[in-house]
Amino acid sequence: NTRLFWAACRAYEDGIGPELANPLVDAAR
């Protein structure tokens, strides 16, 4: 969870969160 949260925060800060949400879910799963 910590790594996912960190990666998601960086993605959203960089403006690409929506595009990376599904790939991040896949990686988390």
PDB file of all heavy atoms in Angstrom:
ATOM      1  N   ASN A   1       0.829  -1.213   0.000  1.00  0.00           N
ATOM      2  CA  ASN A   1       0.000   0.000   0.000  1.00  0.00           C
ATOM      3  C   ASN A   1       0.854   1.249   0.000  1.00  0.00           C
ATOM      4  O   ASN A   1       0.543   2.222  -0.690  1.00  0.00           O
ATOM      5  CB  ASN A   1      -0.948   0.027   1.197  1.00  0.00           C
ATOM      6  CG  ASN A   1      -2.275  -0.603   0.889  1.00  0.00           C
ATOM      7  OD1 ASN A   1      -2.730  -0.572  -0.236  1.00  0.00           O
ATOM      8  ND2 ASN A   1      -2.890  -1.180   1.886  1.00  0.00           N
ATOM      9  N   THR A   2       1.927   1.239   0.772  1.00  0.00           N
ATOM     10  CA  THR A   2       2.805   2.404   0.846  1.00  0.00           C
ATOM     11  C   THR A   2       3.421   2.710  -0.510  1.00  0.00           C
ATOM     12  O   THR A   2       3.437   3.863  -0.959  1.00  0.00           O
ATOM     13  CB  THR A   2       3.920   2.173   1.886  1.00  0.00           C
ATOM     14  OG1 THR A   2       3.308   1.926   3.152  1.00  0.00           O
ATOM     15  CG2 THR A   2       4.845   3.363   1.995  1.00  0.00           C
ATOM     16  N   ARG A   3       3.902   1.694  -1.189  1.00  0.00           N
ATOM     17  CA  ARG A   3       4.506   1.912  -2.507  1.00  0.00           C
ATOM     18  C   ARG A   3       3.467   2.330  -3.538  1.00  0.00           C
ATOM     19  O   ARG A   3       3.731   3.185  -4.380  1.00  0.00           O
ATOM     20  CB  ARG A   3       5.239   0.661  -2.967  1.00  0.00           C
ATOM     21  CG  ARG A   3       6.504   0.455  -2.182  1.00  0.00           C
ATOM     22  CD  ARG A   3       7.390  -0.519  -2.848  1.00  0.00           C
ATOM     23  NE  ARG A   3       8.587  -0.738  -2.061  1.00  0.00           N
ATOM     24  CZ  ARG A   3       9.602  -1.433  -2.484  1.00  0.00           C
ATOM     25  NH1 ARG A   3       9.592  -1.990  -3.677  1.00  0.00           N
ATOM     26  NH2 ARG A   3      10.660  -1.606  -1.721  1.00  0.00           N
ATOM     27  N   LEU A   4       2.301   1.721  -3.477  1.00  0.00           N
ATOM     28  CA  LEU A   4       1.228   2.109  -4.398  1.00  0.00           C
ATOM     29  C   LEU A   4       0.837   3.557  -4.160  1.00  0.00           C
ATOM     30  O   LEU A   4       0.687   4.328  -5.111  1.00  0.00           O
ATOM     31  CB  LEU A   4       0.017   1.190  -4.234  1.00  0.00           C
ATOM     32  CG  LEU A   4      -1.226   1.569  -5.025  1.00  0.00           C
ATOM     33  CD1 LEU A   4      -0.936   1.598  -6.523  1.00  0.00           C
ATOM     34  CD2 LEU A   4      -2.360   0.613  -4.704  1.00  0.00           C
ATOM     35  N   PHE A   5       0.664   3.929  -2.910  1.00  0.00           N
ATOM     36  CA  PHE A   5       0.288   5.298  -2.576  1.00  0.00           C
ATOM     37  C   PHE A   5       1.346   6.282  -3.074  1.00  0.00           C
ATOM     38  O   PHE A   5       1.018   7.297  -3.686  1.00  0.00           O
ATOM     39  CB  PHE A   5       0.092   5.430  -1.064  1.00  0.00           C
ATOM     40  CG  PHE A   5      -0.393   6.770  -0.645  1.00  0.00           C
ATOM     41  CD1 PHE A   5      -1.711   7.136  -0.833  1.00  0.00           C
ATOM     42  CD2 PHE A   5       0.464   7.685  -0.052  1.00  0.00           C
ATOM     43  CE1 PHE A   5      -2.174   8.387  -0.454  1.00  0.00           C
ATOM     44  CE2 PHE A   5       0.023   8.932   0.335  1.00  0.00           C
ATOM     45  CZ  PHE A   5      -1.297   9.287   0.135  1.00  0.00           C
ATOM     46  N   TRP A   6       2.628   5.964  -2.844  1.00  0.00           N
ATOM     47  CA  TRP A   6       3.717   6.828  -3.302  1.00  0.00           C
ATOM     48  C   TRP A   6       3.666   6.980  -4.822  1.00  0.00           C
ATOM     49  O   TRP A   6       3.747   8.098  -5.345  1.00  0.00           O
ATOM     50  CB  TRP A   6       5.067   6.249  -2.860  1.00  0.00           C
ATOM     51  CG  TRP A   6       6.219   7.094  -3.287  1.00  0.00           C
ATOM     52  CD1 TRP A   6       6.772   8.140  -2.603  1.00  0.00           C
ATOM     53  CD2 TRP A   6       6.948   6.982  -4.508  1.00  0.00           C
ATOM     54  NE1 TRP A   6       7.804   8.681  -3.327  1.00  0.00           N
ATOM     55  CE2 TRP A   6       7.937   7.997  -4.504  1.00  0.00           C
ATOM     56  CE3 TRP A   6       6.868   6.134  -5.600  1.00  0.00           C
ATOM     57  CZ2 TRP A   6       8.824   8.167  -5.555  1.00  0.00           C
ATOM     58  CZ3 TRP A   6       7.765   6.314  -6.656  1.00  0.00           C
ATOM     59  CH2 TRP A   6       8.729   7.315  -6.619  1.00  0.00           C
ATOM     60  N   ALA A   7       3.549   5.869  -5.546  1.00  0.00           N
ATOM     61  CA  ALA A   7       3.515   5.901  -7.008  1.00  0.00           C
ATOM     62  C   ALA A   7       2.307   6.686  -7.511  1.00  0.00           C
ATOM     63  O   ALA A   7       2.415   7.481  -8.456  1.00  0.00           O
ATOM     64  CB  ALA A   7       3.494   4.481  -7.572  1.00  0.00           C
ATOM     65  N   ALA A   8       1.166   6.491  -6.892  1.00  0.00           N
ATOM     66  CA  ALA A   8      -0.045   7.202  -7.308  1.00  0.00           C
ATOM     67  C   ALA A   8       0.084   8.698  -7.037  1.00  0.00           C
ATOM     68  O   ALA A   8      -0.309   9.517  -7.873  1.00  0.00           O
ATOM     69  CB  ALA A   8      -1.266   6.621  -6.605  1.00  0.00           C
ATOM     70  N   CYS A   9       0.655   9.065  -5.898  1.00  0.00           N
ATOM     71  CA  CYS A   9       0.865  10.487  -5.606  1.00  0.00           C
ATOM     72  C   CYS A   9       1.761  11.121  -6.656  1.00  0.00           C
ATOM     73  O   CYS A   9       1.467  12.216  -7.147  1.00  0.00           O
ATOM     74  CB  CYS A   9       1.479  10.671  -4.222  1.00  0.00           C
ATOM     75  SG  CYS A   9       0.324  10.483  -2.857  1.00  0.00           S
ATOM     76  N   ARG A  10       2.856  10.469  -6.998  1.00  0.00           N
ATOM     77  CA  ARG A  10       3.770  11.017  -8.014  1.00  0.00           C
ATOM     78  C   ARG A  10       3.046  11.153  -9.353  1.00  0.00           C
ATOM     79  O   ARG A  10       3.208  12.155 -10.056  1.00  0.00           O
ATOM     80  CB  ARG A  10       4.996  10.116  -8.201  1.00  0.00           C
ATOM     81  CG  ARG A  10       5.883   9.894  -6.989  1.00  0.00           C
ATOM     82  CD  ARG A  10       6.524  11.113  -6.362  1.00  0.00           C
ATOM     83  NE  ARG A  10       5.668  11.923  -5.523  1.00  0.00           N
ATOM     84  CZ  ARG A  10       5.311  11.650  -4.267  1.00  0.00           C
ATOM     85  NH1 ARG A  10       5.707  10.552  -3.671  1.00  0.00           N
ATOM     86  NH2 ARG A  10       4.550  12.479  -3.587  1.00  0.00           N
ATOM     87  N   ALA A  11       2.256  10.146  -9.709  1.00  0.00           N
ATOM     88  CA  ALA A  11       1.526  10.193 -10.978  1.00  0.00           C
ATOM     89  C   ALA A  11       0.551  11.368 -10.994  1.00  0.00           C
ATOM     90  O   ALA A  11       0.476  12.109 -11.985  1.00  0.00           O
ATOM     91  CB  ALA A  11       0.794   8.880 -11.220  1.00  0.00           C
ATOM     92  N   TYR A  12      -0.193  11.552  -9.900  1.00  0.00           N
ATOM     93  CA  TYR A  12      -1.155  12.658  -9.860  1.00  0.00           C
ATOM     94  C   TYR A  12      -0.449  14.007  -9.812  1.00  0.00           C
ATOM     95  O   TYR A  12      -0.904  14.966 -10.444  1.00  0.00           O
ATOM     96  CB  TYR A  12      -2.141  12.486  -8.712  1.00  0.00           C
ATOM     97  CG  TYR A  12      -3.253  11.549  -9.082  1.00  0.00           C
ATOM     98  CD1 TYR A  12      -3.211  10.209  -8.704  1.00  0.00           C
ATOM     99  CD2 TYR A  12      -4.330  11.978  -9.846  1.00  0.00           C
ATOM    100  CE1 TYR A  12      -4.210   9.326  -9.074  1.00  0.00           C
ATOM    101  CE2 TYR A  12      -5.342  11.110 -10.221  1.00  0.00           C
ATOM    102  CZ  TYR A  12      -5.276   9.788  -9.830  1.00  0.00           C
ATOM    103  OH  TYR A  12      -6.268   8.919 -10.203  1.00  0.00           O
ATOM    104  N   GLU A  13       0.660  14.095  -9.110  1.00  0.00           N
ATOM    105  CA  GLU A  13       1.416  15.353  -9.087  1.00  0.00           C
ATOM    106  C   GLU A  13       1.946  15.708 -10.473  1.00  0.00           C
ATOM    107  O   GLU A  13       2.029  16.888 -10.818  1.00  0.00           O
ATOM    108  CB  GLU A  13       2.592  15.240  -8.112  1.00  0.00           C
ATOM    109  CG  GLU A  13       2.169  15.248  -6.665  1.00  0.00           C
ATOM    110  CD  GLU A  13       3.303  14.918  -5.712  1.00  0.00           C
ATOM    111  OE1 GLU A  13       4.399  14.533  -6.156  1.00  0.00           O
ATOM    112  OE2 GLU A  13       3.059  15.041  -4.506  1.00  0.00           O
ATOM    113  N   ASP A  14       2.279  14.696 -11.253  1.00  0.00           N
ATOM    114  CA  ASP A  14       2.793  14.918 -12.609  1.00  0.00           C
ATOM    115  C   ASP A  14       1.681  15.074 -13.642  1.00  0.00           C
ATOM    116  O   ASP A  14       1.964  15.228 -14.831  1.00  0.00           O
ATOM    117  CB  ASP A  14       3.720  13.776 -13.024  1.00  0.00           C
ATOM    118  CG  ASP A  14       5.033  13.796 -12.266  1.00  0.00           C
ATOM    119  OD1 ASP A  14       5.394  14.846 -11.686  1.00  0.00           O
ATOM    120  OD2 ASP A  14       5.716  12.752 -12.250  1.00  0.00           O
ATOM    121  N   GLY A  15       0.430  14.988 -13.195  1.00  0.00           N
ATOM    122  CA  GLY A  15      -0.694  15.186 -14.100  1.00  0.00           C
ATOM    123  C   GLY A  15      -1.064  13.972 -14.937  1.00  0.00           C
ATOM    124  O   GLY A  15      -1.824  14.090 -15.892  1.00  0.00           O
ATOM    125  N   ILE A  16      -0.517  12.809 -14.596  1.00  0.00           N
ATOM    126  CA  ILE A  16      -0.821  11.601 -15.377  1.00  0.00           C
ATOM    127  C   ILE A  16      -1.525  10.535 -14.541  1.00  0.00           C
ATOM    128  O   ILE A  16      -1.583   9.371 -14.927  1.00  0.00           O
ATOM    129  CB  ILE A  16       0.454  11.021 -16.036  1.00  0.00           C
ATOM    130  CG1 ILE A  16       1.525  10.730 -14.992  1.00  0.00           C
ATOM    131  CG2 ILE A  16       0.973  11.947 -17.117  1.00  0.00           C
ATOM    132  CD1 ILE A  16       2.741  10.000 -15.536  1.00  0.00           C
ATOM    133  N   GLY A  17      -2.065  10.935 -13.411  1.00  0.00           N
ATOM    134  CA  GLY A  17      -2.748   9.991 -12.532  1.00  0.00           C
ATOM    135  C   GLY A  17      -3.882   9.231 -13.193  1.00  0.00           C
ATOM    136  O   GLY A  17      -3.924   7.998 -13.117  1.00  0.00           O
ATOM    137  N   PRO A  18      -4.798   9.928 -13.874  1.00  0.00           N
ATOM    138  CA  PRO A  18      -5.902   9.205 -14.498  1.00  0.00           C
ATOM    139  C   PRO A  18      -5.432   8.171 -15.529  1.00  0.00           C
ATOM    140  O   PRO A  18      -5.996   7.089 -15.621  1.00  0.00           O
ATOM    141  CB  PRO A  18      -6.726  10.312 -15.155  1.00  0.00           C
ATOM    142  CG  PRO A  18      -6.452  11.521 -14.326  1.00  0.00           C
ATOM    143  CD  PRO A  18      -4.996  11.387 -13.932  1.00  0.00           C
ATOM    144  N   GLU A  19      -4.381   8.504 -16.265  1.00  0.00           N
ATOM    145  CA  GLU A  19      -3.871   7.576 -17.275  1.00  0.00           C
ATOM    146  C   GLU A  19      -3.175   6.365 -16.647  1.00  0.00           C
ATOM    147  O   GLU A  19      -3.139   5.287 -17.229  1.00  0.00           O
ATOM    148  CB  GLU A  19      -2.884   8.282 -18.222  1.00  0.00           C
ATOM    149  CG  GLU A  19      -3.524   9.307 -19.114  1.00  0.00           C
ATOM    150  CD  GLU A  19      -3.651  10.672 -18.439  1.00  0.00           C
ATOM    151  OE1 GLU A  19      -3.151  10.873 -17.316  1.00  0.00           O
ATOM    152  OE2 GLU A  19      -4.288  11.549 -19.037  1.00  0.00           O
ATOM    153  N   LEU A  20      -2.601   6.554 -15.459  1.00  0.00           N
ATOM    154  CA  LEU A  20      -1.867   5.467 -14.816  1.00  0.00           C
ATOM    155  C   LEU A  20      -2.681   4.701 -13.782  1.00  0.00           C
ATOM    156  O   LEU A  20      -2.202   3.700 -13.257  1.00  0.00           O
ATOM    157  CB  LEU A  20      -0.596   6.005 -14.150  1.00  0.00           C
ATOM    158  CG  LEU A  20       0.531   6.390 -15.087  1.00  0.00           C
ATOM    159  CD1 LEU A  20       1.763   6.799 -14.296  1.00  0.00           C
ATOM    160  CD2 LEU A  20       0.886   5.240 -16.010  1.00  0.00           C
ATOM    161  N   ALA A  21      -3.896   5.139 -13.510  1.00  0.00           N
ATOM    162  CA  ALA A  21      -4.692   4.482 -12.477  1.00  0.00           C
ATOM    163  C   ALA A  21      -4.877   2.989 -12.761  1.00  0.00           C
ATOM    164  O   ALA A  21      -4.611   2.150 -11.884  1.00  0.00           O
ATOM    165  CB  ALA A  21      -6.041   5.175 -12.311  1.00  0.00           C
ATOM    166  N   ASN A  22      -5.321   2.634 -13.949  1.00  0.00           N
ATOM    167  CA  ASN A  22      -5.536   1.205 -14.249  1.00  0.00           C
ATOM    168  C   ASN A  22      -4.240   0.400 -14.264  1.00  0.00           C
ATOM    169  O   ASN A  22      -4.205  -0.696 -13.690  1.00  0.00           O
ATOM    170  CB  ASN A  22      -6.322   1.030 -15.546  1.00  0.00           C
ATOM    171  CG  ASN A  22      -7.777   1.394 -15.371  1.00  0.00           C
ATOM    172  OD1 ASN A  22      -8.338   1.287 -14.283  1.00  0.00           O
ATOM    173  ND2 ASN A  22      -8.396   1.843 -16.437  1.00  0.00           N
ATOM    174  N   PRO A  23      -3.152   0.901 -14.871  1.00  0.00           N
ATOM    175  CA  PRO A  23      -1.894   0.156 -14.783  1.00  0.00           C
ATOM    176  C   PRO A  23      -1.398   0.002 -13.335  1.00  0.00           C
ATOM    177  O   PRO A  23      -0.829  -1.034 -12.979  1.00  0.00           O
ATOM    178  CB  PRO A  23      -0.913   0.975 -15.622  1.00  0.00           C
ATOM    179  CG  PRO A  23      -1.779   1.674 -16.617  1.00  0.00           C
ATOM    180  CD  PRO A  23      -3.044   1.988 -15.862  1.00  0.00           C
ATOM    181  N   LEU A  24      -1.622   1.018 -12.506  1.00  0.00           N
ATOM    182  CA  LEU A  24      -1.234   0.899 -11.099  1.00  0.00           C
ATOM    183  C   LEU A  24      -2.077  -0.156 -10.390  1.00  0.00           C
ATOM    184  O   LEU A  24      -1.560  -0.918  -9.567  1.00  0.00           O
ATOM    185  CB  LEU A  24      -1.357   2.248 -10.389  1.00  0.00           C
ATOM    186  CG  LEU A  24      -0.278   3.274 -10.698  1.00  0.00           C
ATOM    187  CD1 LEU A  24      -0.621   4.618 -10.074  1.00  0.00           C
ATOM    188  CD2 LEU A  24       1.080   2.793 -10.213  1.00  0.00           C
ATOM    189  N   VAL A  25      -3.359  -0.212 -10.698  1.00  0.00           N
ATOM    190  CA  VAL A  25      -4.216  -1.252 -10.125  1.00  0.00           C
ATOM    191  C   VAL A  25      -3.709  -2.631 -10.548  1.00  0.00           C
ATOM    192  O   VAL A  25      -3.602  -3.543  -9.724  1.00  0.00           O
ATOM    193  CB  VAL A  25      -5.701  -1.068 -10.524  1.00  0.00           C
ATOM    194  CG1 VAL A  25      -6.529  -2.294 -10.163  1.00  0.00           C
ATOM    195  CG2 VAL A  25      -6.277   0.166  -9.860  1.00  0.00           C
ATOM    196  N   ASP A  26      -3.376  -2.778 -11.816  1.00  0.00           N
ATOM    197  CA  ASP A  26      -2.864  -4.066 -12.301  1.00  0.00           C
ATOM    198  C   ASP A  26      -1.587  -4.460 -11.568  1.00  0.00           C
ATOM    199  O   ASP A  26      -1.416  -5.615 -11.167  1.00  0.00           O
ATOM    200  CB  ASP A  26      -2.606  -4.009 -13.808  1.00  0.00           C
ATOM    201  CG  ASP A  26      -3.885  -3.888 -14.618  1.00  0.00           C
ATOM    202  OD1 ASP A  26      -4.974  -4.185 -14.085  1.00  0.00           O
ATOM    203  OD2 ASP A  26      -3.783  -3.478 -15.798  1.00  0.00           O
ATOM    204  N   ALA A  27      -0.679  -3.498 -11.397  1.00  0.00           N
ATOM    205  CA  ALA A  27       0.574  -3.787 -10.682  1.00  0.00           C
ATOM    206  C   ALA A  27       0.295  -4.148  -9.229  1.00  0.00           C
ATOM    207  O   ALA A  27       0.903  -5.080  -8.686  1.00  0.00           O
ATOM    208  CB  ALA A  27       1.505  -2.581 -10.772  1.00  0.00           C
ATOM    209  N   ALA A  28      -0.622  -3.435  -8.610  1.00  0.00           N
ATOM    210  CA  ALA A  28      -0.963  -3.719  -7.212  1.00  0.00           C
ATOM    211  C   ALA A  28      -1.579  -5.107  -7.069  1.00  0.00           C
ATOM    212  O   ALA A  28      -1.265  -5.844  -6.122  1.00  0.00           O
ATOM    213  CB  ALA A  28      -1.919  -2.656  -6.681  1.00  0.00           C
ATOM    214  N   ARG A  29      -2.436  -5.457  -7.993  1.00  0.00           N
ATOM    215  CA  ARG A  29      -3.052  -6.786  -7.945  1.00  0.00           C
ATOM    216  C   ARG A  29      -2.005  -7.879  -8.123  1.00  0.00           C
ATOM    217  O   ARG A  29      -2.099  -8.939  -7.516  1.00  0.00           O
ATOM    218  CB  ARG A  29      -4.155  -6.899  -8.995  1.00  0.00           C
ATOM    219  CG  ARG A  29      -5.348  -5.990  -8.624  1.00  0.00           C
ATOM    220  CD  ARG A  29      -6.527  -6.190  -9.528  1.00  0.00           C
ATOM    221  NE  ARG A  29      -7.084  -7.514  -9.270  1.00  0.00           N
ATOM    222  CZ  ARG A  29      -7.687  -8.243 -10.189  1.00  0.00           C
ATOM    223  NH1 ARG A  29      -7.805  -7.808 -11.415  1.00  0.00           N
ATOM    224  NH2 ARG A  29      -8.173  -9.424  -9.883  1.00  0.00           N
TER     225      ARG A  29
END
